[in-house]
């Protein structure tokens, strides 16, 4: 039986209302996520610990540290000079786009900031935040260390803290303040990317998906 024009119009209205509801619900969800990320990024809980862990970030094409890695590593160096921890762990492997590991670039910055080589440890296998946590935990377990100060950008510490704490590490976060992220679209872009990564992690946890790395997350 062919639907009447009245039924077609009613169906279109229902679809429009459903679409509008989904859109509004998605916007509210994103706004809630952004609010939690923002306020989490304002809390600096750095305190004496066994080790400071710097989470890697992308390099430039020639292997030089990018802005995110620079600010994270400089922040970690300042914490070390304050005596927060005797060691700093540079976490981050090598992607197919860069000539060296993120950890190697991090180490270079730390040395230039006055840290002795003996105070710097390297984790050069990871290709994602989840793998940062996996391989850092293995290294810390071998050394008998557990209390960490986790350094990353303010938009990143919510998910990073969740992943590191979930692997049994006593995690204190020391985020790089958002006002040190320069460039008008850098923070919004990073926040949107983090929103996708956070929900991908939720999906993985829900369905027990063992994949720990997707390029760009």
N, C-alpha and C. Protein backbone atom coordinates (compact mmCIF):
# COMPACT_ATOMS: atom_id res chain seq x y z
N UNK A 1 0.84 -1.20 0.00
CA UNK A 1 0.00 0.00 0.00
C UNK A 1 0.88 1.24 0.00
N UNK A 2 0.64 2.15 -0.91
CA UNK A 2 1.44 3.36 -1.04
C UNK A 2 1.08 4.35 0.08
N UNK A 3 2.11 4.87 0.81
CA UNK A 3 1.81 5.83 1.89
C UNK A 3 1.16 7.08 1.32
N UNK A 4 0.24 7.60 2.06
CA UNK A 4 -0.42 8.84 1.64
C UNK A 4 0.50 10.03 1.87
N UNK A 5 0.25 11.15 1.18
CA UNK A 5 1.07 12.35 1.40
C UNK A 5 1.10 12.78 2.86
N UNK A 6 -0.01 12.60 3.56
CA UNK A 6 -0.07 12.99 4.97
C UNK A 6 0.89 12.14 5.82
N UNK A 7 0.92 10.81 5.51
CA UNK A 7 1.81 9.92 6.25
C UNK A 7 3.27 10.22 5.95
N UNK A 8 3.55 10.53 4.66
CA UNK A 8 4.92 10.89 4.29
C UNK A 8 5.38 12.14 5.02
N UNK A 9 4.51 13.13 5.09
CA UNK A 9 4.83 14.37 5.79
C UNK A 9 5.08 14.12 7.28
N UNK A 10 4.26 13.25 7.88
CA UNK A 10 4.41 12.93 9.30
C UNK A 10 5.74 12.21 9.56
N UNK A 11 6.10 11.30 8.63
CA UNK A 11 7.36 10.58 8.76
C UNK A 11 8.55 11.52 8.65
N UNK A 12 8.48 12.47 7.70
CA UNK A 12 9.56 13.45 7.54
C UNK A 12 9.73 14.30 8.80
N UNK A 13 8.63 14.69 9.39
CA UNK A 13 8.68 15.49 10.61
C UNK A 13 9.33 14.71 11.76
N UNK A 14 8.98 13.43 11.86
CA UNK A 14 9.58 12.59 12.90
C UNK A 14 11.08 12.45 12.70
N UNK A 15 11.48 12.25 11.43
CA UNK A 15 12.92 12.13 11.14
C UNK A 15 13.66 13.42 11.45
N UNK A 16 13.04 14.55 11.15
CA UNK A 16 13.65 15.84 11.45
C UNK A 16 13.81 16.02 12.96
N UNK A 17 12.77 15.65 13.72
CA UNK A 17 12.85 15.78 15.18
C UNK A 17 13.92 14.85 15.75
N UNK A 18 13.98 13.63 15.20
CA UNK A 18 14.99 12.68 15.67
C UNK A 18 16.39 13.18 15.36
N UNK A 19 16.57 13.71 14.14
CA UNK A 19 17.88 14.25 13.75
C UNK A 19 18.28 15.41 14.65
N UNK A 20 17.32 16.29 14.92
CA UNK A 20 17.59 17.44 15.78
C UNK A 20 17.94 16.99 17.20
N UNK A 21 17.22 15.97 17.69
CA UNK A 21 17.50 15.45 19.03
C UNK A 21 18.90 14.87 19.11
N UNK A 22 19.28 14.08 18.10
CA UNK A 22 20.61 13.48 18.09
C UNK A 22 21.69 14.55 18.03
N UNK A 23 21.45 15.58 17.21
CA UNK A 23 22.41 16.66 17.08
C UNK A 23 22.58 17.41 18.40
N UNK A 24 21.47 17.74 19.04
CA UNK A 24 21.54 18.46 20.31
C UNK A 24 22.19 17.62 21.40
N UNK A 25 21.84 16.32 21.44
CA UNK A 25 22.44 15.43 22.43
C UNK A 25 23.94 15.32 22.22
N UNK A 26 24.38 15.26 20.96
CA UNK A 26 25.81 15.17 20.65
C UNK A 26 26.53 16.44 21.06
N UNK A 27 25.91 17.59 20.79
CA UNK A 27 26.52 18.86 21.18
C UNK A 27 26.63 18.98 22.69
N UNK A 28 25.61 18.54 23.40
CA UNK A 28 25.64 18.58 24.86
C UNK A 28 26.72 17.65 25.41
N UNK A 29 26.83 16.48 24.80
CA UNK A 29 27.85 15.52 25.22
C UNK A 29 29.25 16.10 25.01
N UNK A 30 29.46 16.70 23.83
CA UNK A 30 30.77 17.29 23.56
C UNK A 30 31.05 18.45 24.52
N UNK A 31 30.03 19.27 24.79
CA UNK A 31 30.22 20.39 25.71
C UNK A 31 30.57 19.89 27.11
N UNK A 32 29.90 18.81 27.53
CA UNK A 32 30.22 18.24 28.84
C UNK A 32 31.63 17.70 28.88
N UNK A 33 32.03 17.00 27.82
CA UNK A 33 33.39 16.48 27.73
C UNK A 33 34.41 17.61 27.77
N UNK A 34 34.17 18.66 26.98
CA UNK A 34 35.10 19.79 26.93
C UNK A 34 35.23 20.46 28.30
N UNK A 35 34.12 20.54 29.03
CA UNK A 35 34.15 21.15 30.35
C UNK A 35 34.99 20.33 31.32
N UNK A 36 34.78 19.01 31.30
CA UNK A 36 35.56 18.14 32.19
C UNK A 36 37.05 18.20 31.84
N UNK A 37 37.35 18.18 30.54
CA UNK A 37 38.75 18.27 30.10
C UNK A 37 39.37 19.58 30.56
N UNK A 38 38.62 20.67 30.41
CA UNK A 38 39.15 21.99 30.78
C UNK A 38 39.49 22.05 32.26
N UNK A 39 38.56 21.63 33.11
CA UNK A 39 38.80 21.73 34.55
C UNK A 39 39.83 20.70 35.03
N UNK A 40 39.87 19.53 34.39
CA UNK A 40 40.92 18.57 34.71
C UNK A 40 42.29 19.15 34.38
N UNK A 41 42.36 19.87 33.26
CA UNK A 41 43.61 20.47 32.84
C UNK A 41 44.08 21.62 33.70
N UNK A 42 43.21 22.12 34.58
CA UNK A 42 43.59 23.21 35.48
C UNK A 42 44.23 22.69 36.76
N UNK A 43 44.05 21.41 37.05
CA UNK A 43 44.53 20.85 38.32
C UNK A 43 45.95 20.30 38.16
N UNK A 44 46.87 20.88 38.87
CA UNK A 44 48.25 20.39 38.89
C UNK A 44 48.49 19.73 40.24
N UNK A 45 48.62 18.42 40.23
CA UNK A 45 48.78 17.67 41.48
C UNK A 45 50.21 17.18 41.68
N UNK A 46 51.17 17.82 41.01
CA UNK A 46 52.57 17.40 41.13
C UNK A 46 53.02 17.41 42.60
N UNK A 47 53.66 16.33 43.00
CA UNK A 47 54.18 16.16 44.35
C UNK A 47 55.35 15.19 44.26
N UNK A 48 56.18 15.12 45.30
CA UNK A 48 57.33 14.21 45.23
C UNK A 48 56.93 12.81 44.77
N UNK A 49 57.68 12.30 43.80
CA UNK A 49 57.36 11.00 43.19
C UNK A 49 58.63 10.28 42.81
N UNK A 50 58.46 9.06 42.29
CA UNK A 50 59.62 8.27 41.86
C UNK A 50 60.18 8.77 40.53
N UNK A 51 59.28 9.23 39.65
CA UNK A 51 59.71 9.56 38.29
C UNK A 51 58.70 10.48 37.63
N UNK A 52 59.17 11.32 36.74
CA UNK A 52 58.33 12.16 35.91
C UNK A 52 58.26 11.51 34.52
N UNK A 53 57.06 11.38 33.98
CA UNK A 53 56.91 10.80 32.64
C UNK A 53 56.39 11.87 31.69
N UNK A 54 57.14 12.09 30.61
CA UNK A 54 56.73 13.03 29.57
C UNK A 54 56.12 12.24 28.42
N UNK A 55 54.88 12.55 28.08
CA UNK A 55 54.24 11.86 26.97
C UNK A 55 54.64 12.51 25.65
N UNK A 56 55.06 11.69 24.72
CA UNK A 56 55.57 12.18 23.45
C UNK A 56 54.51 12.87 22.60
N UNK A 57 55.00 13.61 21.63
CA UNK A 57 54.14 14.29 20.67
C UNK A 57 54.90 14.37 19.35
N UNK A 58 54.20 14.75 18.30
CA UNK A 58 54.78 14.70 16.97
C UNK A 58 56.02 15.54 16.77
N UNK A 59 56.87 15.07 15.86
CA UNK A 59 58.08 15.79 15.47
C UNK A 59 57.85 16.50 14.14
N UNK A 60 58.76 17.37 13.79
CA UNK A 60 58.76 17.98 12.47
C UNK A 60 59.39 16.99 11.49
N UNK A 61 59.25 17.27 10.20
CA UNK A 61 59.71 16.34 9.19
C UNK A 61 61.21 16.05 9.28
N UNK A 62 61.96 17.04 9.74
CA UNK A 62 63.41 16.85 9.85
C UNK A 62 63.83 16.25 11.19
N UNK A 63 62.86 15.87 12.03
CA UNK A 63 63.17 15.22 13.30
C UNK A 63 63.26 16.16 14.47
N UNK A 64 63.12 17.46 14.25
CA UNK A 64 63.14 18.38 15.36
C UNK A 64 61.84 18.27 16.16
N UNK A 65 61.88 18.56 17.47
CA UNK A 65 60.66 18.49 18.28
C UNK A 65 59.61 19.49 17.80
N UNK A 66 58.36 19.07 17.81
CA UNK A 66 57.27 19.98 17.51
C UNK A 66 56.93 20.81 18.74
N UNK A 67 56.03 21.78 18.60
CA UNK A 67 55.67 22.66 19.73
C UNK A 67 55.15 21.91 20.94
N UNK A 68 54.31 20.89 20.74
CA UNK A 68 53.74 20.16 21.87
C UNK A 68 54.83 19.44 22.66
N UNK A 69 55.73 18.76 21.96
CA UNK A 69 56.80 18.05 22.65
C UNK A 69 57.72 19.03 23.37
N UNK A 70 57.99 20.17 22.75
CA UNK A 70 58.83 21.18 23.39
C UNK A 70 58.23 21.65 24.72
N UNK A 71 56.96 22.04 24.69
CA UNK A 71 56.38 22.59 25.91
C UNK A 71 56.22 21.52 26.99
N UNK A 72 55.88 20.30 26.60
CA UNK A 72 55.76 19.23 27.59
C UNK A 72 57.11 18.94 28.24
N UNK A 73 58.15 18.85 27.42
CA UNK A 73 59.46 18.49 27.94
C UNK A 73 60.04 19.62 28.79
N UNK A 74 59.85 20.86 28.38
CA UNK A 74 60.31 21.99 29.19
C UNK A 74 59.60 22.01 30.54
N UNK A 75 58.32 21.67 30.54
CA UNK A 75 57.55 21.60 31.78
C UNK A 75 58.12 20.51 32.70
N UNK A 76 58.43 19.37 32.12
CA UNK A 76 59.01 18.27 32.90
C UNK A 76 60.38 18.65 33.45
N UNK A 77 61.18 19.35 32.64
CA UNK A 77 62.51 19.78 33.10
C UNK A 77 62.39 20.71 34.30
N UNK A 78 61.41 21.61 34.26
CA UNK A 78 61.20 22.53 35.38
C UNK A 78 60.82 21.76 36.65
N UNK A 79 59.98 20.75 36.50
CA UNK A 79 59.61 19.92 37.66
C UNK A 79 60.82 19.19 38.23
N UNK A 80 61.68 18.69 37.35
CA UNK A 80 62.89 18.00 37.81
C UNK A 80 63.79 18.97 38.58
N UNK A 81 63.97 20.16 38.08
CA UNK A 81 64.80 21.16 38.76
C UNK A 81 64.20 21.56 40.11
N UNK A 82 62.88 21.45 40.24
CA UNK A 82 62.23 21.73 41.52
C UNK A 82 62.41 20.60 42.52
N UNK A 83 62.91 19.46 42.06
CA UNK A 83 63.12 18.31 42.93
C UNK A 83 61.92 17.42 43.10
N UNK A 84 60.98 17.49 42.15
CA UNK A 84 59.77 16.67 42.24
C UNK A 84 60.09 15.18 42.14
N UNK A 85 61.07 14.83 41.32
CA UNK A 85 61.47 13.42 41.15
C UNK A 85 62.91 13.39 40.65
N UNK A 86 63.63 12.30 40.95
CA UNK A 86 65.03 12.23 40.51
C UNK A 86 65.22 11.79 39.06
N UNK A 87 64.15 11.27 38.46
CA UNK A 87 64.26 10.71 37.11
C UNK A 87 63.16 11.28 36.21
N UNK A 88 63.47 11.32 34.92
CA UNK A 88 62.46 11.69 33.92
C UNK A 88 62.46 10.60 32.85
N UNK A 89 61.28 10.11 32.54
CA UNK A 89 61.12 9.12 31.47
C UNK A 89 60.52 9.79 30.24
N UNK A 90 61.22 9.72 29.13
CA UNK A 90 60.71 10.20 27.85
C UNK A 90 59.99 9.05 27.15
N UNK A 91 58.70 9.21 26.90
CA UNK A 91 57.91 8.14 26.31
C UNK A 91 57.47 8.52 24.90
N UNK A 92 57.75 7.67 23.93
CA UNK A 92 57.30 7.94 22.57
C UNK A 92 58.19 7.29 21.54
N UNK A 93 57.60 6.49 20.68
CA UNK A 93 58.36 5.77 19.67
C UNK A 93 58.51 6.56 18.38
N UNK A 94 58.76 5.84 17.31
CA UNK A 94 59.03 6.45 16.01
C UNK A 94 57.94 6.06 15.02
N UNK A 95 57.33 7.06 14.40
CA UNK A 95 56.34 6.78 13.37
C UNK A 95 57.05 6.70 12.02
N UNK A 96 56.30 6.28 11.03
CA UNK A 96 56.88 6.16 9.70
C UNK A 96 57.20 7.51 9.07
N UNK A 97 56.72 8.59 9.70
CA UNK A 97 56.90 9.92 9.11
C UNK A 97 58.13 10.66 9.64
N UNK A 98 58.76 10.14 10.71
CA UNK A 98 59.84 10.87 11.36
C UNK A 98 61.13 10.07 11.37
N UNK A 99 62.28 10.75 11.34
CA UNK A 99 63.56 10.05 11.27
C UNK A 99 64.08 9.52 12.61
N UNK A 100 63.42 9.85 13.70
CA UNK A 100 63.85 9.34 15.01
C UNK A 100 62.65 9.27 15.95
N UNK A 101 62.88 8.75 17.15
CA UNK A 101 61.78 8.59 18.10
C UNK A 101 61.46 9.91 18.80
N UNK A 102 60.23 10.00 19.26
CA UNK A 102 59.83 11.16 20.06
C UNK A 102 60.63 11.20 21.36
N UNK A 103 60.93 10.03 21.92
CA UNK A 103 61.71 9.98 23.16
C UNK A 103 63.11 10.56 22.95
N UNK A 104 63.71 10.30 21.80
CA UNK A 104 65.06 10.82 21.53
C UNK A 104 65.04 12.35 21.47
N UNK A 105 64.00 12.90 20.84
CA UNK A 105 63.88 14.36 20.77
C UNK A 105 63.63 14.94 22.16
N UNK A 106 62.83 14.26 22.96
CA UNK A 106 62.58 14.68 24.34
C UNK A 106 63.88 14.70 25.14
N UNK A 107 64.68 13.67 25.00
CA UNK A 107 65.95 13.60 25.72
C UNK A 107 66.87 14.77 25.35
N UNK A 108 66.87 15.10 24.08
CA UNK A 108 67.70 16.21 23.61
C UNK A 108 67.32 17.53 24.30
N UNK A 109 66.02 17.75 24.44
CA UNK A 109 65.55 18.96 25.12
C UNK A 109 65.93 18.95 26.59
N UNK A 110 65.79 17.80 27.23
CA UNK A 110 66.13 17.70 28.65
C UNK A 110 67.62 17.96 28.89
N UNK A 111 68.46 17.42 28.04
CA UNK A 111 69.91 17.64 28.17
C UNK A 111 70.21 19.13 28.04
N UNK A 112 69.57 19.78 27.05
CA UNK A 112 69.79 21.21 26.84
C UNK A 112 69.28 22.02 28.03
N UNK A 113 68.29 21.48 28.76
CA UNK A 113 67.73 22.17 29.91
C UNK A 113 68.52 21.91 31.19
N UNK A 114 69.62 21.16 31.08
CA UNK A 114 70.50 20.98 32.22
C UNK A 114 70.36 19.68 32.98
N UNK A 115 69.57 18.73 32.47
CA UNK A 115 69.46 17.45 33.16
C UNK A 115 70.63 16.56 32.79
N UNK A 116 71.19 15.83 33.74
CA UNK A 116 72.26 14.88 33.40
C UNK A 116 71.69 13.66 32.70
N UNK A 117 72.48 13.06 31.84
CA UNK A 117 72.02 11.90 31.09
C UNK A 117 71.56 10.77 32.02
N UNK A 118 72.21 10.66 33.18
CA UNK A 118 71.87 9.59 34.11
C UNK A 118 70.46 9.74 34.69
N UNK A 119 69.88 10.93 34.59
CA UNK A 119 68.54 11.16 35.15
C UNK A 119 67.44 10.91 34.13
N UNK A 120 67.82 10.53 32.90
CA UNK A 120 66.84 10.40 31.82
C UNK A 120 66.70 8.95 31.39
N UNK A 121 65.47 8.46 31.37
CA UNK A 121 65.17 7.12 30.88
C UNK A 121 64.37 7.24 29.59
N UNK A 122 64.41 6.19 28.79
CA UNK A 122 63.78 6.23 27.47
C UNK A 122 62.81 5.07 27.29
N UNK A 123 61.64 5.39 26.73
CA UNK A 123 60.68 4.37 26.30
C UNK A 123 60.40 4.68 24.84
N UNK A 124 60.93 3.88 23.94
CA UNK A 124 60.91 4.21 22.52
C UNK A 124 60.09 3.24 21.66
N UNK A 125 59.17 2.51 22.27
CA UNK A 125 58.37 1.55 21.51
C UNK A 125 56.95 2.03 21.23
N UNK A 126 56.44 2.92 22.03
CA UNK A 126 55.02 3.27 21.96
C UNK A 126 54.67 4.13 20.76
N UNK A 127 53.43 3.93 20.26
CA UNK A 127 52.93 4.70 19.12
C UNK A 127 51.57 5.34 19.42
N UNK A 128 51.15 5.27 20.68
CA UNK A 128 49.87 5.84 21.10
C UNK A 128 49.94 6.09 22.60
N UNK A 129 48.95 6.81 23.12
CA UNK A 129 48.91 7.07 24.56
C UNK A 129 48.75 5.77 25.34
N UNK A 130 47.91 4.88 24.82
CA UNK A 130 47.72 3.59 25.50
C UNK A 130 49.03 2.82 25.56
N UNK A 131 49.78 2.82 24.46
CA UNK A 131 51.06 2.13 24.48
C UNK A 131 52.09 2.86 25.35
N UNK A 132 51.99 4.18 25.46
CA UNK A 132 52.81 4.91 26.43
C UNK A 132 52.64 4.28 27.81
N UNK A 133 51.39 4.04 28.18
CA UNK A 133 51.09 3.48 29.50
C UNK A 133 51.58 2.03 29.62
N UNK A 134 51.36 1.24 28.58
CA UNK A 134 51.75 -0.18 28.62
C UNK A 134 53.26 -0.33 28.80
N UNK A 135 54.03 0.33 27.94
CA UNK A 135 55.48 0.15 27.97
C UNK A 135 56.14 0.88 29.14
N UNK A 136 55.56 2.00 29.55
CA UNK A 136 56.09 2.70 30.72
C UNK A 136 55.91 1.85 31.97
N UNK A 137 54.75 1.20 32.07
CA UNK A 137 54.51 0.35 33.24
C UNK A 137 55.52 -0.79 33.31
N UNK A 138 55.81 -1.40 32.16
CA UNK A 138 56.77 -2.51 32.16
C UNK A 138 58.14 -2.03 32.62
N UNK A 139 58.55 -0.87 32.14
CA UNK A 139 59.85 -0.34 32.53
C UNK A 139 59.88 0.00 34.01
N UNK A 140 58.81 0.62 34.50
CA UNK A 140 58.75 0.99 35.92
C UNK A 140 58.71 -0.24 36.82
N UNK A 141 57.98 -1.27 36.38
CA UNK A 141 57.94 -2.50 37.17
C UNK A 141 59.33 -3.11 37.31
N UNK A 142 60.10 -3.08 36.24
CA UNK A 142 61.46 -3.62 36.28
C UNK A 142 62.35 -2.84 37.26
N UNK A 143 62.05 -1.55 37.41
CA UNK A 143 62.86 -0.70 38.29
C UNK A 143 62.29 -0.61 39.71
N UNK A 144 61.13 -1.18 39.92
CA UNK A 144 60.49 -1.11 41.23
C UNK A 144 59.92 0.27 41.54
N UNK A 145 59.49 1.00 40.51
CA UNK A 145 58.94 2.34 40.69
C UNK A 145 57.44 2.31 40.40
N UNK A 146 56.68 3.16 41.08
CA UNK A 146 55.23 3.14 40.84
C UNK A 146 54.59 4.53 40.91
N UNK A 147 55.17 5.44 41.68
CA UNK A 147 54.56 6.76 41.86
C UNK A 147 55.11 7.71 40.79
N UNK A 148 54.20 8.20 39.92
CA UNK A 148 54.65 9.00 38.79
C UNK A 148 53.99 10.37 38.76
N UNK A 149 54.70 11.32 38.17
CA UNK A 149 54.10 12.60 37.80
C UNK A 149 53.99 12.58 36.28
N UNK A 150 52.78 12.66 35.78
CA UNK A 150 52.52 12.54 34.35
C UNK A 150 52.42 13.92 33.73
N UNK A 151 53.23 14.17 32.72
CA UNK A 151 53.25 15.48 32.07
C UNK A 151 52.74 15.36 30.64
N UNK A 152 51.74 16.17 30.33
CA UNK A 152 51.24 16.29 28.96
C UNK A 152 50.48 17.60 28.88
N UNK A 153 49.89 17.87 27.72
CA UNK A 153 49.08 19.08 27.57
C UNK A 153 47.79 18.95 28.35
N UNK A 154 47.21 20.09 28.70
CA UNK A 154 46.02 20.10 29.55
C UNK A 154 44.86 19.32 28.94
N UNK A 155 44.70 19.36 27.62
CA UNK A 155 43.59 18.66 26.98
C UNK A 155 43.78 17.14 26.97
N UNK A 156 44.98 16.68 27.27
CA UNK A 156 45.34 15.27 27.14
C UNK A 156 45.34 14.52 28.46
N UNK A 157 45.44 15.24 29.58
CA UNK A 157 45.70 14.55 30.86
C UNK A 157 44.51 13.74 31.36
N UNK A 158 43.28 14.07 30.95
CA UNK A 158 42.13 13.27 31.39
C UNK A 158 42.27 11.84 30.90
N UNK A 159 42.44 11.67 29.60
CA UNK A 159 42.56 10.32 29.02
C UNK A 159 43.86 9.66 29.44
N UNK A 160 44.96 10.41 29.43
CA UNK A 160 46.25 9.84 29.80
C UNK A 160 46.24 9.36 31.25
N UNK A 161 45.68 10.17 32.14
CA UNK A 161 45.60 9.76 33.54
C UNK A 161 44.77 8.51 33.72
N UNK A 162 43.69 8.42 32.99
CA UNK A 162 42.83 7.22 33.03
C UNK A 162 43.63 5.99 32.61
N UNK A 163 44.38 6.08 31.52
CA UNK A 163 45.12 4.93 31.01
C UNK A 163 46.26 4.52 31.94
N UNK A 164 46.98 5.48 32.49
CA UNK A 164 48.10 5.16 33.37
C UNK A 164 47.61 4.63 34.72
N UNK A 165 46.60 5.27 35.28
CA UNK A 165 46.05 4.79 36.56
C UNK A 165 45.46 3.40 36.40
N UNK A 166 44.84 3.16 35.25
CA UNK A 166 44.23 1.85 34.99
C UNK A 166 45.23 0.72 34.94
N UNK A 167 46.50 1.04 34.76
CA UNK A 167 47.53 0.01 34.74
C UNK A 167 48.26 -0.08 36.09
N UNK A 168 47.68 0.51 37.12
CA UNK A 168 48.19 0.34 38.47
C UNK A 168 49.25 1.33 38.91
N UNK A 169 49.53 2.33 38.10
CA UNK A 169 50.51 3.34 38.49
C UNK A 169 49.86 4.42 39.35
N UNK A 170 50.55 4.86 40.37
CA UNK A 170 50.05 5.94 41.22
C UNK A 170 50.34 7.25 40.49
N UNK A 171 49.32 7.80 39.88
CA UNK A 171 49.50 8.87 38.90
C UNK A 171 49.11 10.24 39.45
N UNK A 172 50.06 11.15 39.38
CA UNK A 172 49.82 12.56 39.69
C UNK A 172 50.01 13.33 38.38
N UNK A 173 49.04 14.13 38.01
CA UNK A 173 49.13 14.84 36.73
C UNK A 173 49.66 16.25 36.92
N UNK A 174 50.53 16.64 36.01
CA UNK A 174 51.02 18.02 35.98
C UNK A 174 50.89 18.52 34.54
N UNK A 175 49.72 19.04 34.20
CA UNK A 175 49.47 19.44 32.80
C UNK A 175 50.17 20.74 32.43
N UNK A 176 50.55 20.83 31.17
CA UNK A 176 51.02 22.10 30.63
C UNK A 176 49.80 23.00 30.47
N UNK A 177 49.80 24.20 31.04
CA UNK A 177 48.61 25.07 30.95
C UNK A 177 48.19 25.35 29.52
N UNK A 178 46.89 25.48 29.32
CA UNK A 178 46.35 25.72 27.98
C UNK A 178 46.83 27.02 27.39
N UNK A 179 47.15 28.02 28.24
CA UNK A 179 47.59 29.31 27.70
C UNK A 179 49.00 29.25 27.09
N UNK A 180 49.67 28.11 27.21
CA UNK A 180 50.96 27.94 26.56
C UNK A 180 50.83 27.28 25.20
N UNK A 181 49.61 26.96 24.82
CA UNK A 181 49.36 26.38 23.50
C UNK A 181 49.03 27.52 22.55
N UNK A 182 49.94 27.85 21.68
CA UNK A 182 49.78 29.00 20.79
C UNK A 182 49.21 28.58 19.44
N UNK A 183 48.54 29.51 18.80
CA UNK A 183 47.89 29.21 17.52
C UNK A 183 46.39 29.12 17.73
N UNK A 184 45.64 29.93 17.02
CA UNK A 184 44.21 30.06 17.27
C UNK A 184 43.41 28.78 17.20
N UNK A 185 43.77 27.87 16.29
CA UNK A 185 42.98 26.66 16.09
C UNK A 185 43.61 25.42 16.71
N UNK A 186 44.78 25.56 17.32
CA UNK A 186 45.48 24.38 17.84
C UNK A 186 44.70 23.73 18.97
N UNK A 187 44.25 24.53 19.94
CA UNK A 187 43.53 23.93 21.07
C UNK A 187 42.19 23.33 20.63
N UNK A 188 41.34 24.04 19.86
CA UNK A 188 40.08 23.42 19.42
C UNK A 188 40.30 22.13 18.62
N UNK A 189 41.30 22.15 17.73
CA UNK A 189 41.59 20.95 16.95
C UNK A 189 42.03 19.80 17.86
N UNK A 190 42.90 20.11 18.80
CA UNK A 190 43.40 19.08 19.72
C UNK A 190 42.27 18.53 20.59
N UNK A 191 41.37 19.42 21.02
CA UNK A 191 40.24 18.99 21.84
C UNK A 191 39.31 18.06 21.05
N UNK A 192 39.04 18.41 19.80
CA UNK A 192 38.18 17.56 18.97
C UNK A 192 38.83 16.19 18.74
N UNK A 193 40.11 16.21 18.48
CA UNK A 193 40.84 14.96 18.28
C UNK A 193 40.82 14.11 19.56
N UNK A 194 40.96 14.79 20.70
CA UNK A 194 40.94 14.08 21.98
C UNK A 194 39.56 13.50 22.26
N UNK A 195 38.51 14.20 21.85
CA UNK A 195 37.15 13.71 22.00
C UNK A 195 36.98 12.38 21.26
N UNK A 196 37.49 12.32 20.04
CA UNK A 196 37.41 11.08 19.26
C UNK A 196 38.23 9.98 19.91
N UNK A 197 39.43 10.32 20.37
CA UNK A 197 40.30 9.31 20.98
C UNK A 197 39.71 8.78 22.28
N UNK A 198 39.12 9.66 23.07
CA UNK A 198 38.51 9.26 24.35
C UNK A 198 37.37 8.28 24.11
N UNK A 199 36.52 8.60 23.13
CA UNK A 199 35.37 7.73 22.87
C UNK A 199 35.78 6.43 22.19
N UNK A 200 36.84 6.48 21.40
CA UNK A 200 37.38 5.24 20.84
C UNK A 200 37.88 4.34 21.96
N UNK A 201 38.51 4.93 22.97
CA UNK A 201 38.98 4.15 24.11
C UNK A 201 37.82 3.54 24.88
N UNK A 202 36.75 4.32 25.07
CA UNK A 202 35.56 3.79 25.72
C UNK A 202 34.98 2.60 24.95
N UNK A 203 34.91 2.76 23.63
CA UNK A 203 34.39 1.69 22.77
C UNK A 203 35.26 0.44 22.89
N UNK A 204 36.58 0.61 22.87
CA UNK A 204 37.50 -0.51 23.01
C UNK A 204 37.32 -1.24 24.33
N UNK A 205 37.17 -0.44 25.40
CA UNK A 205 36.99 -1.04 26.73
C UNK A 205 35.68 -1.82 26.79
N UNK A 206 34.64 -1.25 26.20
CA UNK A 206 33.32 -1.87 26.25
C UNK A 206 33.30 -3.21 25.54
N UNK A 207 33.96 -3.28 24.38
CA UNK A 207 33.92 -4.48 23.56
C UNK A 207 35.22 -5.29 23.64
N UNK A 208 36.10 -4.92 24.57
CA UNK A 208 37.34 -5.66 24.82
C UNK A 208 38.15 -5.84 23.54
N UNK A 209 38.36 -4.74 22.82
CA UNK A 209 39.14 -4.76 21.59
C UNK A 209 40.61 -4.58 21.93
N UNK A 210 41.49 -5.50 21.56
CA UNK A 210 42.89 -5.45 21.99
C UNK A 210 43.76 -4.46 21.22
N UNK A 211 43.26 -3.84 20.18
CA UNK A 211 44.05 -2.91 19.37
C UNK A 211 44.52 -1.73 20.23
N UNK A 212 45.83 -1.44 20.19
CA UNK A 212 46.39 -0.38 21.03
C UNK A 212 46.93 0.79 20.25
N UNK A 213 46.82 0.73 18.95
CA UNK A 213 47.37 1.83 18.15
C UNK A 213 46.61 2.00 16.84
N UNK A 214 46.20 3.23 16.60
CA UNK A 214 45.69 3.64 15.29
C UNK A 214 46.44 4.92 14.95
N UNK A 215 46.96 5.02 13.77
CA UNK A 215 47.74 6.19 13.38
C UNK A 215 46.96 7.47 13.64
N UNK A 216 47.60 8.38 14.41
CA UNK A 216 46.98 9.68 14.68
C UNK A 216 46.28 9.77 16.01
N UNK A 217 46.17 8.65 16.75
CA UNK A 217 45.49 8.67 18.06
C UNK A 217 46.48 8.32 19.15
